[in-house]
């Protein structure tokens, strides 16, 4: 799960940086 969330964060940093992120199963 840790790796998956990290990849999601990296994608946002590259494509669409935000101020707040909510993470859900």
PDBML (XML) file of the C-alpha atoms, coordinates in Angstrom:
<?xml version="1.0" encoding="UTF-8" ?>
<PDBx:datablock datablockName="MODEL"
   xmlns:PDBx="http://pdbml.pdb.org/schema/pdbx-v50.xsd"
   xmlns:xsi="http://www.w3.org/2001/XMLSchema-instance"
   xsi:schemaLocation="http://pdbml.pdb.org/schema/pdbx-v50.xsd pdbx-v50.xsd">
   <PDBx:atom_siteCategory>
      <PDBx:atom_site id="1">
         <PDBx:B_iso_or_equiv>0.00</PDBx:B_iso_or_equiv>
         <PDBx:Cartn_x>0.000</PDBx:Cartn_x>
         <PDBx:Cartn_y>0.000</PDBx:Cartn_y>
         <PDBx:Cartn_z>0.000</PDBx:Cartn_z>
         <PDBx:auth_asym_id>A</PDBx:auth_asym_id>
         <PDBx:auth_atom_id>CA</PDBx:auth_atom_id>
         <PDBx:auth_comp_id>UNK</PDBx:auth_comp_id>
         <PDBx:auth_seq_id>1</PDBx:auth_seq_id>
         <PDBx:group_PDB>ATOM</PDBx:group_PDB>
         <PDBx:label_alt_id xsi:nil="true" />
         <PDBx:label_asym_id>A</PDBx:label_asym_id>
         <PDBx:label_atom_id>CA</PDBx:label_atom_id>
         <PDBx:label_comp_id>UNK</PDBx:label_comp_id>
         <PDBx:label_entity_id>1</PDBx:label_entity_id>
         <PDBx:label_seq_id>1</PDBx:label_seq_id>
         <PDBx:occupancy>1.00</PDBx:occupancy>
         <PDBx:pdbx_PDB_model_num>1</PDBx:pdbx_PDB_model_num>
         <PDBx:type_symbol>C</PDBx:type_symbol>
      </PDBx:atom_site>
      <PDBx:atom_site id="2">
         <PDBx:B_iso_or_equiv>0.00</PDBx:B_iso_or_equiv>
         <PDBx:Cartn_x>2.865</PDBx:Cartn_x>
         <PDBx:Cartn_y>2.344</PDBx:Cartn_y>
         <PDBx:Cartn_z>0.855</PDBx:Cartn_z>
         <PDBx:auth_asym_id>A</PDBx:auth_asym_id>
         <PDBx:auth_atom_id>CA</PDBx:auth_atom_id>
         <PDBx:auth_comp_id>UNK</PDBx:auth_comp_id>
         <PDBx:auth_seq_id>2</PDBx:auth_seq_id>
         <PDBx:group_PDB>ATOM</PDBx:group_PDB>
         <PDBx:label_alt_id xsi:nil="true" />
         <PDBx:label_asym_id>A</PDBx:label_asym_id>
         <PDBx:label_atom_id>CA</PDBx:label_atom_id>
         <PDBx:label_comp_id>UNK</PDBx:label_comp_id>
         <PDBx:label_entity_id>1</PDBx:label_entity_id>
         <PDBx:label_seq_id>2</PDBx:label_seq_id>
         <PDBx:occupancy>1.00</PDBx:occupancy>
         <PDBx:pdbx_PDB_model_num>1</PDBx:pdbx_PDB_model_num>
         <PDBx:type_symbol>C</PDBx:type_symbol>
      </PDBx:atom_site>
      <PDBx:atom_site id="3">
         <PDBx:B_iso_or_equiv>0.00</PDBx:B_iso_or_equiv>
         <PDBx:Cartn_x>4.383</PDBx:Cartn_x>
         <PDBx:Cartn_y>1.975</PDBx:Cartn_y>
         <PDBx:Cartn_z>-2.636</PDBx:Cartn_z>
         <PDBx:auth_asym_id>A</PDBx:auth_asym_id>
         <PDBx:auth_atom_id>CA</PDBx:auth_atom_id>
         <PDBx:auth_comp_id>UNK</PDBx:auth_comp_id>
         <PDBx:auth_seq_id>3</PDBx:auth_seq_id>
         <PDBx:group_PDB>ATOM</PDBx:group_PDB>
         <PDBx:label_alt_id xsi:nil="true" />
         <PDBx:label_asym_id>A</PDBx:label_asym_id>
         <PDBx:label_atom_id>CA</PDBx:label_atom_id>
         <PDBx:label_comp_id>UNK</PDBx:label_comp_id>
         <PDBx:label_entity_id>1</PDBx:label_entity_id>
         <PDBx:label_seq_id>3</PDBx:label_seq_id>
         <PDBx:occupancy>1.00</PDBx:occupancy>
         <PDBx:pdbx_PDB_model_num>1</PDBx:pdbx_PDB_model_num>
         <PDBx:type_symbol>C</PDBx:type_symbol>
      </PDBx:atom_site>
      <PDBx:atom_site id="4">
         <PDBx:B_iso_or_equiv>0.00</PDBx:B_iso_or_equiv>
         <PDBx:Cartn_x>1.002</PDBx:Cartn_x>
         <PDBx:Cartn_y>2.482</PDBx:Cartn_y>
         <PDBx:Cartn_z>-4.297</PDBx:Cartn_z>
         <PDBx:auth_asym_id>A</PDBx:auth_asym_id>
         <PDBx:auth_atom_id>CA</PDBx:auth_atom_id>
         <PDBx:auth_comp_id>UNK</PDBx:auth_comp_id>
         <PDBx:auth_seq_id>4</PDBx:auth_seq_id>
         <PDBx:group_PDB>ATOM</PDBx:group_PDB>
         <PDBx:label_alt_id xsi:nil="true" />
         <PDBx:label_asym_id>A</PDBx:label_asym_id>
         <PDBx:label_atom_id>CA</PDBx:label_atom_id>
         <PDBx:label_comp_id>UNK</PDBx:label_comp_id>
         <PDBx:label_entity_id>1</PDBx:label_entity_id>
         <PDBx:label_seq_id>4</PDBx:label_seq_id>
         <PDBx:occupancy>1.00</PDBx:occupancy>
         <PDBx:pdbx_PDB_model_num>1</PDBx:pdbx_PDB_model_num>
         <PDBx:type_symbol>C</PDBx:type_symbol>
      </PDBx:atom_site>
      <PDBx:atom_site id="5">
         <PDBx:B_iso_or_equiv>0.00</PDBx:B_iso_or_equiv>
         <PDBx:Cartn_x>0.268</PDBx:Cartn_x>
         <PDBx:Cartn_y>5.711</PDBx:Cartn_y>
         <PDBx:Cartn_z>-2.424</PDBx:Cartn_z>
         <PDBx:auth_asym_id>A</PDBx:auth_asym_id>
         <PDBx:auth_atom_id>CA</PDBx:auth_atom_id>
         <PDBx:auth_comp_id>UNK</PDBx:auth_comp_id>
         <PDBx:auth_seq_id>5</PDBx:auth_seq_id>
         <PDBx:group_PDB>ATOM</PDBx:group_PDB>
         <PDBx:label_alt_id xsi:nil="true" />
         <PDBx:label_asym_id>A</PDBx:label_asym_id>
         <PDBx:label_atom_id>CA</PDBx:label_atom_id>
         <PDBx:label_comp_id>UNK</PDBx:label_comp_id>
         <PDBx:label_entity_id>1</PDBx:label_entity_id>
         <PDBx:label_seq_id>5</PDBx:label_seq_id>
         <PDBx:occupancy>1.00</PDBx:occupancy>
         <PDBx:pdbx_PDB_model_num>1</PDBx:pdbx_PDB_model_num>
         <PDBx:type_symbol>C</PDBx:type_symbol>
      </PDBx:atom_site>
      <PDBx:atom_site id="6">
         <PDBx:B_iso_or_equiv>0.00</PDBx:B_iso_or_equiv>
         <PDBx:Cartn_x>3.806</PDBx:Cartn_x>
         <PDBx:Cartn_y>6.962</PDBx:Cartn_y>
         <PDBx:Cartn_z>-3.115</PDBx:Cartn_z>
         <PDBx:auth_asym_id>A</PDBx:auth_asym_id>
         <PDBx:auth_atom_id>CA</PDBx:auth_atom_id>
         <PDBx:auth_comp_id>UNK</PDBx:auth_comp_id>
         <PDBx:auth_seq_id>6</PDBx:auth_seq_id>
         <PDBx:group_PDB>ATOM</PDBx:group_PDB>
         <PDBx:label_alt_id xsi:nil="true" />
         <PDBx:label_asym_id>A</PDBx:label_asym_id>
         <PDBx:label_atom_id>CA</PDBx:label_atom_id>
         <PDBx:label_comp_id>UNK</PDBx:label_comp_id>
         <PDBx:label_entity_id>1</PDBx:label_entity_id>
         <PDBx:label_seq_id>6</PDBx:label_seq_id>
         <PDBx:occupancy>1.00</PDBx:occupancy>
         <PDBx:pdbx_PDB_model_num>1</PDBx:pdbx_PDB_model_num>
         <PDBx:type_symbol>C</PDBx:type_symbol>
      </PDBx:atom_site>
      <PDBx:atom_site id="7">
         <PDBx:B_iso_or_equiv>0.00</PDBx:B_iso_or_equiv>
         <PDBx:Cartn_x>3.299</PDBx:Cartn_x>
         <PDBx:Cartn_y>6.428</PDBx:Cartn_y>
         <PDBx:Cartn_z>-6.848</PDBx:Cartn_z>
         <PDBx:auth_asym_id>A</PDBx:auth_asym_id>
         <PDBx:auth_atom_id>CA</PDBx:auth_atom_id>
         <PDBx:auth_comp_id>UNK</PDBx:auth_comp_id>
         <PDBx:auth_seq_id>7</PDBx:auth_seq_id>
         <PDBx:group_PDB>ATOM</PDBx:group_PDB>
         <PDBx:label_alt_id xsi:nil="true" />
         <PDBx:label_asym_id>A</PDBx:label_asym_id>
         <PDBx:label_atom_id>CA</PDBx:label_atom_id>
         <PDBx:label_comp_id>UNK</PDBx:label_comp_id>
         <PDBx:label_entity_id>1</PDBx:label_entity_id>
         <PDBx:label_seq_id>7</PDBx:label_seq_id>
         <PDBx:occupancy>1.00</PDBx:occupancy>
         <PDBx:pdbx_PDB_model_num>1</PDBx:pdbx_PDB_model_num>
         <PDBx:type_symbol>C</PDBx:type_symbol>
      </PDBx:atom_site>
      <PDBx:atom_site id="8">
         <PDBx:B_iso_or_equiv>0.00</PDBx:B_iso_or_equiv>
         <PDBx:Cartn_x>0.018</PDBx:Cartn_x>
         <PDBx:Cartn_y>8.300</PDBx:Cartn_y>
         <PDBx:Cartn_z>-6.661</PDBx:Cartn_z>
         <PDBx:auth_asym_id>A</PDBx:auth_asym_id>
         <PDBx:auth_atom_id>CA</PDBx:auth_atom_id>
         <PDBx:auth_comp_id>UNK</PDBx:auth_comp_id>
         <PDBx:auth_seq_id>8</PDBx:auth_seq_id>
         <PDBx:group_PDB>ATOM</PDBx:group_PDB>
         <PDBx:label_alt_id xsi:nil="true" />
         <PDBx:label_asym_id>A</PDBx:label_asym_id>
         <PDBx:label_atom_id>CA</PDBx:label_atom_id>
         <PDBx:label_comp_id>UNK</PDBx:label_comp_id>
         <PDBx:label_entity_id>1</PDBx:label_entity_id>
         <PDBx:label_seq_id>8</PDBx:label_seq_id>
         <PDBx:occupancy>1.00</PDBx:occupancy>
         <PDBx:pdbx_PDB_model_num>1</PDBx:pdbx_PDB_model_num>
         <PDBx:type_symbol>C</PDBx:type_symbol>
      </PDBx:atom_site>
      <PDBx:atom_site id="9">
         <PDBx:B_iso_or_equiv>0.00</PDBx:B_iso_or_equiv>
         <PDBx:Cartn_x>1.718</PDBx:Cartn_x>
         <PDBx:Cartn_y>11.224</PDBx:Cartn_y>
         <PDBx:Cartn_z>-4.917</PDBx:Cartn_z>
         <PDBx:auth_asym_id>A</PDBx:auth_asym_id>
         <PDBx:auth_atom_id>CA</PDBx:auth_atom_id>
         <PDBx:auth_comp_id>UNK</PDBx:auth_comp_id>
         <PDBx:auth_seq_id>9</PDBx:auth_seq_id>
         <PDBx:group_PDB>ATOM</PDBx:group_PDB>
         <PDBx:label_alt_id xsi:nil="true" />
         <PDBx:label_asym_id>A</PDBx:label_asym_id>
         <PDBx:label_atom_id>CA</PDBx:label_atom_id>
         <PDBx:label_comp_id>UNK</PDBx:label_comp_id>
         <PDBx:label_entity_id>1</PDBx:label_entity_id>
         <PDBx:label_seq_id>9</PDBx:label_seq_id>
         <PDBx:occupancy>1.00</PDBx:occupancy>
         <PDBx:pdbx_PDB_model_num>1</PDBx:pdbx_PDB_model_num>
         <PDBx:type_symbol>C</PDBx:type_symbol>
      </PDBx:atom_site>
      <PDBx:atom_site id="10">
         <PDBx:B_iso_or_equiv>0.00</PDBx:B_iso_or_equiv>
         <PDBx:Cartn_x>4.525</PDBx:Cartn_x>
         <PDBx:Cartn_y>11.313</PDBx:Cartn_y>
         <PDBx:Cartn_z>-7.477</PDBx:Cartn_z>
         <PDBx:auth_asym_id>A</PDBx:auth_asym_id>
         <PDBx:auth_atom_id>CA</PDBx:auth_atom_id>
         <PDBx:auth_comp_id>UNK</PDBx:auth_comp_id>
         <PDBx:auth_seq_id>10</PDBx:auth_seq_id>
         <PDBx:group_PDB>ATOM</PDBx:group_PDB>
         <PDBx:label_alt_id xsi:nil="true" />
         <PDBx:label_asym_id>A</PDBx:label_asym_id>
         <PDBx:label_atom_id>CA</PDBx:label_atom_id>
         <PDBx:label_comp_id>UNK</PDBx:label_comp_id>
         <PDBx:label_entity_id>1</PDBx:label_entity_id>
         <PDBx:label_seq_id>10</PDBx:label_seq_id>
         <PDBx:occupancy>1.00</PDBx:occupancy>
         <PDBx:pdbx_PDB_model_num>1</PDBx:pdbx_PDB_model_num>
         <PDBx:type_symbol>C</PDBx:type_symbol>
      </PDBx:atom_site>
      <PDBx:atom_site id="11">
         <PDBx:B_iso_or_equiv>0.00</PDBx:B_iso_or_equiv>
         <PDBx:Cartn_x>1.982</PDBx:Cartn_x>
         <PDBx:Cartn_y>11.355</PDBx:Cartn_y>
         <PDBx:Cartn_z>-10.311</PDBx:Cartn_z>
         <PDBx:auth_asym_id>A</PDBx:auth_asym_id>
         <PDBx:auth_atom_id>CA</PDBx:auth_atom_id>
         <PDBx:auth_comp_id>UNK</PDBx:auth_comp_id>
         <PDBx:auth_seq_id>11</PDBx:auth_seq_id>
         <PDBx:group_PDB>ATOM</PDBx:group_PDB>
         <PDBx:label_alt_id xsi:nil="true" />
         <PDBx:label_asym_id>A</PDBx:label_asym_id>
         <PDBx:label_atom_id>CA</PDBx:label_atom_id>
         <PDBx:label_comp_id>UNK</PDBx:label_comp_id>
         <PDBx:label_entity_id>1</PDBx:label_entity_id>
         <PDBx:label_seq_id>11</PDBx:label_seq_id>
         <PDBx:occupancy>1.00</PDBx:occupancy>
         <PDBx:pdbx_PDB_model_num>1</PDBx:pdbx_PDB_model_num>
         <PDBx:type_symbol>C</PDBx:type_symbol>
      </PDBx:atom_site>
      <PDBx:atom_site id="12">
         <PDBx:B_iso_or_equiv>0.00</PDBx:B_iso_or_equiv>
         <PDBx:Cartn_x>0.185</PDBx:Cartn_x>
         <PDBx:Cartn_y>14.320</PDBx:Cartn_y>
         <PDBx:Cartn_z>-8.738</PDBx:Cartn_z>
         <PDBx:auth_asym_id>A</PDBx:auth_asym_id>
         <PDBx:auth_atom_id>CA</PDBx:auth_atom_id>
         <PDBx:auth_comp_id>UNK</PDBx:auth_comp_id>
         <PDBx:auth_seq_id>12</PDBx:auth_seq_id>
         <PDBx:group_PDB>ATOM</PDBx:group_PDB>
         <PDBx:label_alt_id xsi:nil="true" />
         <PDBx:label_asym_id>A</PDBx:label_asym_id>
         <PDBx:label_atom_id>CA</PDBx:label_atom_id>
         <PDBx:label_comp_id>UNK</PDBx:label_comp_id>
         <PDBx:label_entity_id>1</PDBx:label_entity_id>
         <PDBx:label_seq_id>12</PDBx:label_seq_id>
         <PDBx:occupancy>1.00</PDBx:occupancy>
         <PDBx:pdbx_PDB_model_num>1</PDBx:pdbx_PDB_model_num>
         <PDBx:type_symbol>C</PDBx:type_symbol>
      </PDBx:atom_site>
      <PDBx:atom_site id="13">
         <PDBx:B_iso_or_equiv>0.00</PDBx:B_iso_or_equiv>
         <PDBx:Cartn_x>3.489</PDBx:Cartn_x>
         <PDBx:Cartn_y>16.156</PDBx:Cartn_y>
         <PDBx:Cartn_z>-8.249</PDBx:Cartn_z>
         <PDBx:auth_asym_id>A</PDBx:auth_asym_id>
         <PDBx:auth_atom_id>CA</PDBx:auth_atom_id>
         <PDBx:auth_comp_id>UNK</PDBx:auth_comp_id>
         <PDBx:auth_seq_id>13</PDBx:auth_seq_id>
         <PDBx:group_PDB>ATOM</PDBx:group_PDB>
         <PDBx:label_alt_id xsi:nil="true" />
         <PDBx:label_asym_id>A</PDBx:label_asym_id>
         <PDBx:label_atom_id>CA</PDBx:label_atom_id>
         <PDBx:label_comp_id>UNK</PDBx:label_comp_id>
         <PDBx:label_entity_id>1</PDBx:label_entity_id>
         <PDBx:label_seq_id>13</PDBx:label_seq_id>
         <PDBx:occupancy>1.00</PDBx:occupancy>
         <PDBx:pdbx_PDB_model_num>1</PDBx:pdbx_PDB_model_num>
         <PDBx:type_symbol>C</PDBx:type_symbol>
      </PDBx:atom_site>
      <PDBx:atom_site id="14">
         <PDBx:B_iso_or_equiv>0.00</PDBx:B_iso_or_equiv>
         <PDBx:Cartn_x>4.204</PDBx:Cartn_x>
         <PDBx:Cartn_y>15.746</PDBx:Cartn_y>
         <PDBx:Cartn_z>-11.953</PDBx:Cartn_z>
         <PDBx:auth_asym_id>A</PDBx:auth_asym_id>
         <PDBx:auth_atom_id>CA</PDBx:auth_atom_id>
         <PDBx:auth_comp_id>UNK</PDBx:auth_comp_id>
         <PDBx:auth_seq_id>14</PDBx:auth_seq_id>
         <PDBx:group_PDB>ATOM</PDBx:group_PDB>
         <PDBx:label_alt_id xsi:nil="true" />
         <PDBx:label_asym_id>A</PDBx:label_asym_id>
         <PDBx:label_atom_id>CA</PDBx:label_atom_id>
         <PDBx:label_comp_id>UNK</PDBx:label_comp_id>
         <PDBx:label_entity_id>1</PDBx:label_entity_id>
         <PDBx:label_seq_id>14</PDBx:label_seq_id>
         <PDBx:occupancy>1.00</PDBx:occupancy>
         <PDBx:pdbx_PDB_model_num>1</PDBx:pdbx_PDB_model_num>
         <PDBx:type_symbol>C</PDBx:type_symbol>
      </PDBx:atom_site>
      <PDBx:atom_site id="15">
         <PDBx:B_iso_or_equiv>0.00</PDBx:B_iso_or_equiv>
         <PDBx:Cartn_x>0.738</PDBx:Cartn_x>
         <PDBx:Cartn_y>16.204</PDBx:Cartn_y>
         <PDBx:Cartn_z>-13.439</PDBx:Cartn_z>
         <PDBx:auth_asym_id>A</PDBx:auth_asym_id>
         <PDBx:auth_atom_id>CA</PDBx:auth_atom_id>
         <PDBx:auth_comp_id>UNK</PDBx:auth_comp_id>
         <PDBx:auth_seq_id>15</PDBx:auth_seq_id>
         <PDBx:group_PDB>ATOM</PDBx:group_PDB>
         <PDBx:label_alt_id xsi:nil="true" />
         <PDBx:label_asym_id>A</PDBx:label_asym_id>
         <PDBx:label_atom_id>CA</PDBx:label_atom_id>
         <PDBx:label_comp_id>UNK</PDBx:label_comp_id>
         <PDBx:label_entity_id>1</PDBx:label_entity_id>
         <PDBx:label_seq_id>15</PDBx:label_seq_id>
         <PDBx:occupancy>1.00</PDBx:occupancy>
         <PDBx:pdbx_PDB_model_num>1</PDBx:pdbx_PDB_model_num>
         <PDBx:type_symbol>C</PDBx:type_symbol>
      </PDBx:atom_site>
      <PDBx:atom_site id="16">
         <PDBx:B_iso_or_equiv>0.00</PDBx:B_iso_or_equiv>
         <PDBx:Cartn_x>-1.322</PDBx:Cartn_x>
         <PDBx:Cartn_y>18.258</PDBx:Cartn_y>
         <PDBx:Cartn_z>-10.996</PDBx:Cartn_z>
         <PDBx:auth_asym_id>A</PDBx:auth_asym_id>
         <PDBx:auth_atom_id>CA</PDBx:auth_atom_id>
         <PDBx:auth_comp_id>UNK</PDBx:auth_comp_id>
         <PDBx:auth_seq_id>16</PDBx:auth_seq_id>
         <PDBx:group_PDB>ATOM</PDBx:group_PDB>
         <PDBx:label_alt_id xsi:nil="true" />
         <PDBx:label_asym_id>A</PDBx:label_asym_id>
         <PDBx:label_atom_id>CA</PDBx:label_atom_id>
         <PDBx:label_comp_id>UNK</PDBx:label_comp_id>
         <PDBx:label_entity_id>1</PDBx:label_entity_id>
         <PDBx:label_seq_id>16</PDBx:label_seq_id>
         <PDBx:occupancy>1.00</PDBx:occupancy>
         <PDBx:pdbx_PDB_model_num>1</PDBx:pdbx_PDB_model_num>
         <PDBx:type_symbol>C</PDBx:type_symbol>
      </PDBx:atom_site>
      <PDBx:atom_site id="17">
         <PDBx:B_iso_or_equiv>0.00</PDBx:B_iso_or_equiv>
         <PDBx:Cartn_x>0.225</PDBx:Cartn_x>
         <PDBx:Cartn_y>19.476</PDBx:Cartn_y>
         <PDBx:Cartn_z>-7.705</PDBx:Cartn_z>
         <PDBx:auth_asym_id>A</PDBx:auth_asym_id>
         <PDBx:auth_atom_id>CA</PDBx:auth_atom_id>
         <PDBx:auth_comp_id>UNK</PDBx:auth_comp_id>
         <PDBx:auth_seq_id>17</PDBx:auth_seq_id>
         <PDBx:group_PDB>ATOM</PDBx:group_PDB>
         <PDBx:label_alt_id xsi:nil="true" />
         <PDBx:label_asym_id>A</PDBx:label_asym_id>
         <PDBx:label_atom_id>CA</PDBx:label_atom_id>
         <PDBx:label_comp_id>UNK</PDBx:label_comp_id>
         <PDBx:label_entity_id>1</PDBx:label_entity_id>
         <PDBx:label_seq_id>17</PDBx:label_seq_id>
         <PDBx:occupancy>1.00</PDBx:occupancy>
         <PDBx:pdbx_PDB_model_num>1</PDBx:pdbx_PDB_model_num>
         <PDBx:type_symbol>C</PDBx:type_symbol>
      </PDBx:atom_site>
      <PDBx:atom_site id="18">
         <PDBx:B_iso_or_equiv>0.00</PDBx:B_iso_or_equiv>
         <PDBx:Cartn_x>-2.353</PDBx:Cartn_x>
         <PDBx:Cartn_y>20.164</PDBx:Cartn_y>
         <PDBx:Cartn_z>-5.000</PDBx:Cartn_z>
         <PDBx:auth_asym_id>A</PDBx:auth_asym_id>
         <PDBx:auth_atom_id>CA</PDBx:auth_atom_id>
         <PDBx:auth_comp_id>UNK</PDBx:auth_comp_id>
         <PDBx:auth_seq_id>18</PDBx:auth_seq_id>
         <PDBx:group_PDB>ATOM</PDBx:group_PDB>
         <PDBx:label_alt_id xsi:nil="true" />
         <PDBx:label_asym_id>A</PDBx:label_asym_id>
         <PDBx:label_atom_id>CA</PDBx:label_atom_id>
         <PDBx:label_comp_id>UNK</PDBx:label_comp_id>
         <PDBx:label_entity_id>1</PDBx:label_entity_id>
         <PDBx:label_seq_id>18</PDBx:label_seq_id>
         <PDBx:occupancy>1.00</PDBx:occupancy>
         <PDBx:pdbx_PDB_model_num>1</PDBx:pdbx_PDB_model_num>
         <PDBx:type_symbol>C</PDBx:type_symbol>
      </PDBx:atom_site>
      <PDBx:atom_site id="19">
         <PDBx:B_iso_or_equiv>0.00</PDBx:B_iso_or_equiv>
         <PDBx:Cartn_x>-2.543</PDBx:Cartn_x>
         <PDBx:Cartn_y>21.557</PDBx:Cartn_y>
         <PDBx:Cartn_z>-1.474</PDBx:Cartn_z>
         <PDBx:auth_asym_id>A</PDBx:auth_asym_id>
         <PDBx:auth_atom_id>CA</PDBx:auth_atom_id>
         <PDBx:auth_comp_id>UNK</PDBx:auth_comp_id>
         <PDBx:auth_seq_id>19</PDBx:auth_seq_id>
         <PDBx:group_PDB>ATOM</PDBx:group_PDB>
         <PDBx:label_alt_id xsi:nil="true" />
         <PDBx:label_asym_id>A</PDBx:label_asym_id>
         <PDBx:label_atom_id>CA</PDBx:label_atom_id>
         <PDBx:label_comp_id>UNK</PDBx:label_comp_id>
         <PDBx:label_entity_id>1</PDBx:label_entity_id>
         <PDBx:label_seq_id>19</PDBx:label_seq_id>
         <PDBx:occupancy>1.00</PDBx:occupancy>
         <PDBx:pdbx_PDB_model_num>1</PDBx:pdbx_PDB_model_num>
         <PDBx:type_symbol>C</PDBx:type_symbol>
      </PDBx:atom_site>
      <PDBx:atom_site id="20">
         <PDBx:B_iso_or_equiv>0.00</PDBx:B_iso_or_equiv>
         <PDBx:Cartn_x>-4.434</PDBx:Cartn_x>
         <PDBx:Cartn_y>18.726</PDBx:Cartn_y>
         <PDBx:Cartn_z>0.225</PDBx:Cartn_z>
         <PDBx:auth_asym_id>A</PDBx:auth_asym_id>
         <PDBx:auth_atom_id>CA</PDBx:auth_atom_id>
         <PDBx:auth_comp_id>UNK</PDBx:auth_comp_id>
         <PDBx:auth_seq_id>20</PDBx:auth_seq_id>
         <PDBx:group_PDB>ATOM</PDBx:group_PDB>
         <PDBx:label_alt_id xsi:nil="true" />
         <PDBx:label_asym_id>A</PDBx:label_asym_id>
         <PDBx:label_atom_id>CA</PDBx:label_atom_id>
         <PDBx:label_comp_id>UNK</PDBx:label_comp_id>
         <PDBx:label_entity_id>1</PDBx:label_entity_id>
         <PDBx:label_seq_id>20</PDBx:label_seq_id>
         <PDBx:occupancy>1.00</PDBx:occupancy>
         <PDBx:pdbx_PDB_model_num>1</PDBx:pdbx_PDB_model_num>
         <PDBx:type_symbol>C</PDBx:type_symbol>
      </PDBx:atom_site>
      <PDBx:atom_site id="21">
         <PDBx:B_iso_or_equiv>0.00</PDBx:B_iso_or_equiv>
         <PDBx:Cartn_x>-4.609</PDBx:Cartn_x>
         <PDBx:Cartn_y>15.019</PDBx:Cartn_y>
         <PDBx:Cartn_z>-0.542</PDBx:Cartn_z>
         <PDBx:auth_asym_id>A</PDBx:auth_asym_id>
         <PDBx:auth_atom_id>CA</PDBx:auth_atom_id>
         <PDBx:auth_comp_id>UNK</PDBx:auth_comp_id>
         <PDBx:auth_seq_id>21</PDBx:auth_seq_id>
         <PDBx:group_PDB>ATOM</PDBx:group_PDB>
         <PDBx:label_alt_id xsi:nil="true" />
         <PDBx:label_asym_id>A</PDBx:label_asym_id>
         <PDBx:label_atom_id>CA</PDBx:label_atom_id>
         <PDBx:label_comp_id>UNK</PDBx:label_comp_id>
         <PDBx:label_entity_id>1</PDBx:label_entity_id>
         <PDBx:label_seq_id>21</PDBx:label_seq_id>
         <PDBx:occupancy>1.00</PDBx:occupancy>
         <PDBx:pdbx_PDB_model_num>1</PDBx:pdbx_PDB_model_num>
         <PDBx:type_symbol>C</PDBx:type_symbol>
      </PDBx:atom_site>
      <PDBx:atom_site id="22">
         <PDBx:B_iso_or_equiv>0.00</PDBx:B_iso_or_equiv>
         <PDBx:Cartn_x>-7.147</PDBx:Cartn_x>
         <PDBx:Cartn_y>12.554</PDBx:Cartn_y>
         <PDBx:Cartn_z>0.811</PDBx:Cartn_z>
         <PDBx:auth_asym_id>A</PDBx:auth_asym_id>
         <PDBx:auth_atom_id>CA</PDBx:auth_atom_id>
         <PDBx:auth_comp_id>UNK</PDBx:auth_comp_id>
         <PDBx:auth_seq_id>22</PDBx:auth_seq_id>
         <PDBx:group_PDB>ATOM</PDBx:group_PDB>
         <PDBx:label_alt_id xsi:nil="true" />
         <PDBx:label_asym_id>A</PDBx:label_asym_id>
         <PDBx:label_atom_id>CA</PDBx:label_atom_id>
         <PDBx:label_comp_id>UNK</PDBx:label_comp_id>
         <PDBx:label_entity_id>1</PDBx:label_entity_id>
         <PDBx:label_seq_id>22</PDBx:label_seq_id>
         <PDBx:occupancy>1.00</PDBx:occupancy>
         <PDBx:pdbx_PDB_model_num>1</PDBx:pdbx_PDB_model_num>
         <PDBx:type_symbol>C</PDBx:type_symbol>
      </PDBx:atom_site>
      <PDBx:atom_site id="23">
         <PDBx:B_iso_or_equiv>0.00</PDBx:B_iso_or_equiv>
         <PDBx:Cartn_x>-6.260</PDBx:Cartn_x>
         <PDBx:Cartn_y>8.868</PDBx:Cartn_y>
         <PDBx:Cartn_z>0.621</PDBx:Cartn_z>
         <PDBx:auth_asym_id>A</PDBx:auth_asym_id>
         <PDBx:auth_atom_id>CA</PDBx:auth_atom_id>
         <PDBx:auth_comp_id>UNK</PDBx:auth_comp_id>
         <PDBx:auth_seq_id>23</PDBx:auth_seq_id>
         <PDBx:group_PDB>ATOM</PDBx:group_PDB>
         <PDBx:label_alt_id xsi:nil="true" />
         <PDBx:label_asym_id>A</PDBx:label_asym_id>
         <PDBx:label_atom_id>CA</PDBx:label_atom_id>
         <PDBx:label_comp_id>UNK</PDBx:label_comp_id>
         <PDBx:label_entity_id>1</PDBx:label_entity_id>
         <PDBx:label_seq_id>23</PDBx:label_seq_id>
         <PDBx:occupancy>1.00</PDBx:occupancy>
         <PDBx:pdbx_PDB_model_num>1</PDBx:pdbx_PDB_model_num>
         <PDBx:type_symbol>C</PDBx:type_symbol>
      </PDBx:atom_site>
      <PDBx:atom_site id="24">
         <PDBx:B_iso_or_equiv>0.00</PDBx:B_iso_or_equiv>
         <PDBx:Cartn_x>-8.972</PDBx:Cartn_x>
         <PDBx:Cartn_y>6.210</PDBx:Cartn_y>
         <PDBx:Cartn_z>0.678</PDBx:Cartn_z>
         <PDBx:auth_asym_id>A</PDBx:auth_asym_id>
         <PDBx:auth_atom_id>CA</PDBx:auth_atom_id>
         <PDBx:auth_comp_id>UNK</PDBx:auth_comp_id>
         <PDBx:auth_seq_id>24</PDBx:auth_seq_id>
         <PDBx:group_PDB>ATOM</PDBx:group_PDB>
         <PDBx:label_alt_id xsi:nil="true" />
         <PDBx:label_asym_id>A</PDBx:label_asym_id>
         <PDBx:label_atom_id>CA</PDBx:label_atom_id>
         <PDBx:label_comp_id>UNK</PDBx:label_comp_id>
         <PDBx:label_entity_id>1</PDBx:label_entity_id>
         <PDBx:label_seq_id>24</PDBx:label_seq_id>
         <PDBx:occupancy>1.00</PDBx:occupancy>
         <PDBx:pdbx_PDB_model_num>1</PDBx:pdbx_PDB_model_num>
         <PDBx:type_symbol>C</PDBx:type_symbol>
      </PDBx:atom_site>
      <PDBx:atom_site id="25">
         <PDBx:B_iso_or_equiv>0.00</PDBx:B_iso_or_equiv>
         <PDBx:Cartn_x>-9.217</PDBx:Cartn_x>
         <PDBx:Cartn_y>2.434</PDBx:Cartn_y>
         <PDBx:Cartn_z>0.299</PDBx:Cartn_z>
         <PDBx:auth_asym_id>A</PDBx:auth_asym_id>
         <PDBx:auth_atom_id>CA</PDBx:auth_atom_id>
         <PDBx:auth_comp_id>UNK</PDBx:auth_comp_id>
         <PDBx:auth_seq_id>25</PDBx:auth_seq_id>
         <PDBx:group_PDB>ATOM</PDBx:group_PDB>
         <PDBx:label_alt_id xsi:nil="true" />
         <PDBx:label_asym_id>A</PDBx:label_asym_id>
         <PDBx:label_atom_id>CA</PDBx:label_atom_id>
         <PDBx:label_comp_id>UNK</PDBx:label_comp_id>
         <PDBx:label_entity_id>1</PDBx:label_entity_id>
         <PDBx:label_seq_id>25</PDBx:label_seq_id>
         <PDBx:occupancy>1.00</PDBx:occupancy>
         <PDBx:pdbx_PDB_model_num>1</PDBx:pdbx_PDB_model_num>
         <PDBx:type_symbol>C</PDBx:type_symbol>
      </PDBx:atom_site>
   </PDBx:atom_siteCategory>
</PDBx:datablock>
